[in-house]
Amino acid sequence: MTKVKVCGITTLEDARAAAAAGADLLGLNFYKPSPRYLAPEAARAIAAALRAELGDACPALIGLFVNEVVGRVSITMEQVGLQFAQLSGDESVEVLRELHGTAYKAIRPRSLQEALDDSAYFAPAAPTDTRIPSLLVDAHHPQLYGGTGEQASREVALAAKAQTPRLMLAGGLTPNNVAEAVRTVQPWAVDVASGVEVDGQPGRKNAAKMAAFVAAVRAAQVS
């Protein structure tokens, strides 16, 4: 069954709503230039409260980092109480390897060949933990590191999937188009941020949109 990650959570209210909708993973963004940035202290409060309320039913909590040094990633993960990290910048395979299986790489290939090259490059250090993806494919943007609302190429995603045990697909997914993406790519997971937000308010989630998104993913797998 395709898993769902809701990324860019900034409030406990939205975290609760995402969990109630059926999200399997929640992303907390620690990239300061992002409109979805969350300070570690605030993230820690959200993580602690959510775990206290949901216990074992709490979605996996993942920190999103962009071009951060390994030491800072590790310290933030420990401070906040995160299980895993998503590296969404220009990190090397060595950085991924230094996080000892607790992190996965997000790539934004510009072409089919780049998708194949990137998949092969990061494969030796991809995590084996089946609670997280081996690799995430997002839409390419020359300046931005995800959350753009632009769709990733299905051809590129399929090329990466062929070389990846557990592919997470991101990029412009919404309640209206995610079913088609799931049927076409059949990813291990899908990742959504802007597609389930309150209109004009990056970082604030719409509970109804999150519920519709998860429902569309589930329906696509039984249709």
Protein backbone atom coordinates (compact mmCIF):
# COMPACT_ATOMS: atom_id res chain seq x y z
CA MET A 1 0.00 0.00 0.00
CA THR A 2 1.39 3.39 -1.01
CA LYS A 3 2.29 5.46 2.03
CA VAL A 4 1.58 9.18 2.43
CA LYS A 5 3.94 11.84 3.75
CA VAL A 6 2.65 15.30 4.56
CA CYS A 7 5.57 17.70 4.56
CA GLY A 8 5.97 21.21 5.91
CA ILE A 9 4.00 20.73 9.12
CA THR A 10 4.29 23.87 11.25
CA THR A 11 1.63 23.52 13.97
CA LEU A 12 0.40 20.84 16.36
CA GLU A 13 -3.12 21.35 15.02
CA ASP A 14 -1.98 20.49 11.50
CA ALA A 15 0.06 17.54 12.73
CA ARG A 16 -3.01 16.14 14.48
CA ALA A 17 -5.15 16.65 11.39
CA ALA A 18 -2.57 14.95 9.15
CA ALA A 19 -2.39 11.98 11.49
CA ALA A 20 -6.17 11.78 11.68
CA ALA A 21 -6.35 11.83 7.89
CA GLY A 22 -4.12 8.76 7.78
CA ALA A 23 -0.69 10.18 6.96
CA ASP A 24 2.09 7.66 7.57
CA LEU A 25 4.93 10.18 7.76
CA LEU A 26 5.14 13.87 8.70
CA GLY A 27 7.87 16.21 7.51
CA LEU A 28 9.25 19.10 9.58
CA ASN A 29 11.25 21.63 7.58
CA PHE A 30 14.50 23.01 9.02
CA TYR A 31 15.58 24.98 5.95
CA LYS A 32 15.44 28.61 7.08
CA PRO A 33 14.70 30.23 3.67
CA SER A 34 11.58 28.09 3.29
CA PRO A 35 8.16 29.56 4.14
CA ARG A 36 7.55 26.23 5.90
CA TYR A 37 10.59 26.57 8.17
CA LEU A 38 10.12 25.41 11.74
CA ALA A 39 12.53 26.28 14.56
CA PRO A 40 13.86 23.20 16.39
CA GLU A 41 12.32 24.30 19.68
CA ALA A 42 8.86 24.53 18.11
CA ALA A 43 9.38 21.23 16.32
CA ARG A 44 10.33 19.54 19.59
CA ALA A 45 7.12 20.73 21.24
CA ILE A 46 5.01 19.43 18.34
CA ALA A 47 6.80 16.07 18.28
CA ALA A 48 6.51 15.55 22.03
CA ALA A 49 2.83 16.48 22.14
CA LEU A 50 1.93 14.32 19.16
CA ARG A 51 3.73 11.29 20.53
CA ALA A 52 2.12 11.78 23.94
CA GLU A 53 -1.33 11.86 22.34
CA LEU A 54 -0.93 9.10 19.74
CA GLY A 55 1.68 6.75 21.17
CA ASP A 56 2.55 3.96 18.75
CA ALA A 57 0.01 5.33 16.26
CA CYS A 58 2.08 8.50 15.77
CA PRO A 59 3.29 8.91 12.17
CA ALA A 60 7.04 8.72 11.57
CA LEU A 61 8.59 12.17 12.06
CA ILE A 62 11.13 13.24 9.48
CA GLY A 63 13.33 16.33 9.43
CA LEU A 64 13.94 18.06 6.11
CA PHE A 65 17.42 19.54 5.70
CA VAL A 66 19.10 21.40 2.85
CA ASN A 67 22.90 21.51 2.55
CA GLU A 68 23.34 21.18 6.30
CA VAL A 69 26.46 19.73 7.89
CA VAL A 70 26.10 16.23 9.30
CA GLY A 71 26.72 17.35 12.87
CA ARG A 72 23.90 19.87 12.74
CA VAL A 73 21.52 17.31 11.23
CA SER A 74 22.33 14.83 14.00
CA ILE A 75 22.00 17.42 16.78
CA THR A 76 18.64 18.64 15.45
CA MET A 77 17.31 15.11 15.10
CA GLU A 78 18.26 14.35 18.70
CA GLN A 79 17.00 17.68 20.04
CA VAL A 80 13.62 17.41 18.32
CA GLY A 81 13.19 13.66 18.66
CA LEU A 82 13.14 12.82 14.97
CA GLN A 83 13.48 9.29 13.66
CA PHE A 84 14.75 10.11 10.19
CA ALA A 85 16.07 12.87 7.95
CA GLN A 86 15.41 13.89 4.36
CA LEU A 87 18.33 15.53 2.56
CA SER A 88 16.84 17.87 -0.03
CA GLY A 89 19.85 19.91 -1.12
CA ASP A 90 23.04 19.19 -3.03
CA GLU A 91 24.43 16.72 -0.52
CA SER A 92 26.93 14.07 -1.60
CA VAL A 93 26.68 10.34 -1.10
CA GLU A 94 29.31 10.71 1.64
CA VAL A 95 26.97 12.93 3.66
CA LEU A 96 24.21 10.35 3.29
CA ARG A 97 26.57 7.58 4.37
CA GLU A 98 27.66 9.49 7.48
CA LEU A 99 24.08 9.47 8.77
CA HIS A 100 24.22 5.67 9.03
CA GLY A 101 20.92 4.69 7.48
CA THR A 102 18.77 7.28 9.21
CA ALA A 103 18.49 9.55 6.15
CA TYR A 104 17.39 9.34 2.53
CA LYS A 105 18.17 11.60 -0.41
CA ALA A 106 15.74 13.73 -2.39
CA ILE A 107 16.73 14.33 -6.02
CA ARG A 108 15.35 16.70 -8.66
CA PRO A 109 16.52 15.24 -11.98
CA ARG A 110 16.47 17.43 -15.08
CA SER A 111 16.37 14.47 -17.46
CA LEU A 112 15.88 10.74 -17.72
CA GLN A 113 19.64 10.16 -17.81
CA GLU A 114 20.18 12.34 -14.75
CA ALA A 115 17.56 10.32 -12.88
CA LEU A 116 19.43 7.13 -13.72
CA ASP A 117 22.79 8.63 -12.77
CA ASP A 118 21.54 10.07 -9.47
CA SER A 119 19.78 6.85 -8.52
CA ALA A 120 22.95 4.85 -9.11
CA TYR A 121 25.12 7.42 -7.30
CA PHE A 122 23.09 7.39 -4.07
CA ALA A 123 22.17 3.69 -4.09
CA PRO A 124 25.24 2.48 -2.11
CA ALA A 125 24.26 4.67 0.88
CA ALA A 126 20.48 4.39 0.60
CA PRO A 127 18.77 3.36 3.85
CA THR A 128 17.63 -0.21 4.30
CA ASP A 129 15.05 0.67 6.96
CA THR A 130 11.68 -0.15 5.38
CA ARG A 131 9.94 2.63 7.32
CA ILE A 132 11.45 5.24 4.99
CA PRO A 133 12.03 5.49 1.24
CA SER A 134 15.30 4.59 -0.43
CA LEU A 135 15.05 7.73 -2.58
CA LEU A 136 12.70 10.64 -3.21
CA VAL A 137 12.11 12.10 -6.68
CA ASP A 138 10.86 15.69 -6.85
CA ALA A 139 10.27 18.13 -9.69
CA HIS A 140 13.31 20.00 -10.94
CA HIS A 141 13.53 23.72 -10.21
CA PRO A 142 16.70 25.73 -10.88
CA GLN A 143 16.52 27.71 -7.63
CA LEU A 144 14.16 26.00 -5.17
CA TYR A 145 14.58 22.82 -3.12
CA GLY A 146 11.07 21.37 -3.27
CA GLY A 147 7.66 22.68 -2.29
CA THR A 148 7.30 24.38 -5.67
CA GLY A 149 3.95 22.92 -6.67
CA GLU A 150 5.45 21.77 -9.98
CA GLN A 151 4.95 18.18 -11.06
CA ALA A 152 7.78 15.69 -11.42
CA SER A 153 8.06 13.96 -14.79
CA ARG A 154 6.39 10.55 -14.71
CA GLU A 155 9.03 9.20 -17.13
CA VAL A 156 11.81 10.38 -14.82
CA ALA A 157 10.07 8.93 -11.78
CA LEU A 158 9.61 5.56 -13.44
CA ALA A 159 13.27 5.47 -14.45
CA ALA A 160 14.36 6.10 -10.87
CA LYS A 161 11.83 3.60 -9.53
CA ALA A 162 13.32 0.85 -11.68
CA GLN A 163 16.57 1.24 -9.71
CA THR A 164 15.07 1.97 -6.29
CA PRO A 165 13.55 -0.47 -3.79
CA ARG A 166 11.29 2.16 -2.22
CA LEU A 167 10.60 5.30 -4.25
CA MET A 168 8.83 8.31 -2.79
CA LEU A 169 7.25 10.59 -5.39
CA ALA A 170 6.87 14.33 -4.78
CA GLY A 171 6.19 17.37 -6.92
CA GLY A 172 2.89 19.14 -7.50
CA LEU A 173 0.70 16.40 -6.05
CA THR A 174 -2.84 17.35 -5.02
CA PRO A 175 -6.05 15.51 -4.08
CA ASN A 176 -7.07 15.87 -7.73
CA ASN A 177 -4.01 14.34 -9.42
CA VAL A 178 -2.42 12.00 -6.89
CA ALA A 179 -4.57 9.01 -7.89
CA GLU A 180 -3.26 9.19 -11.46
CA ALA A 181 0.31 9.45 -10.15
CA VAL A 182 -0.14 6.40 -7.93
CA ARG A 183 -1.64 4.33 -10.74
CA THR A 184 1.07 5.37 -13.22
CA VAL A 185 4.20 5.22 -11.07
CA GLN A 186 3.07 2.89 -8.25
CA PRO A 187 5.51 4.49 -5.81
CA TRP A 188 6.28 3.21 -2.34
CA ALA A 189 5.07 6.59 -1.03
CA VAL A 190 3.86 10.00 -2.14
CA ASP A 191 4.88 13.31 -0.57
CA VAL A 192 2.69 16.41 -0.45
CA ALA A 193 3.22 19.93 0.89
CA SER A 194 1.68 22.81 -1.07
CA GLY A 195 -1.06 20.60 -2.50
CA VAL A 196 -2.86 20.31 0.85
CA GLU A 197 -2.32 23.81 2.20
CA VAL A 198 -4.70 26.63 2.98
CA ASP A 199 -4.78 28.81 -0.12
CA GLY A 200 -2.16 31.53 0.08
CA GLN A 201 -0.74 30.32 3.40
CA PRO A 202 2.39 28.19 2.91
CA GLY A 203 2.92 25.96 5.93
CA ARG A 204 -0.71 25.92 7.05
CA LYS A 205 -2.52 22.73 6.14
CA ASN A 206 -6.14 22.28 5.16
CA ALA A 207 -7.60 19.31 7.03
CA ALA A 208 -10.20 18.56 4.35
CA LYS A 209 -7.55 18.58 1.62
CA MET A 210 -5.33 16.22 3.60
CA ALA A 211 -8.22 13.82 4.13
CA ALA A 212 -9.12 13.98 0.43
CA PHE A 213 -5.48 13.40 -0.56
CA VAL A 214 -5.13 10.27 1.58
CA ALA A 215 -8.52 8.99 0.39
CA ALA A 216 -7.46 9.46 -3.25
CA VAL A 217 -4.24 7.52 -2.67
CA ARG A 218 -6.10 4.65 -1.00
CA ALA A 219 -8.79 4.56 -3.68
CA ALA A 220 -6.20 4.44 -6.48
CA GLN A 221 -4.82 1.21 -5.08
CA VAL A 222 -8.12 -0.65 -5.14
CA SER A 223 -9.53 0.70 -8.40
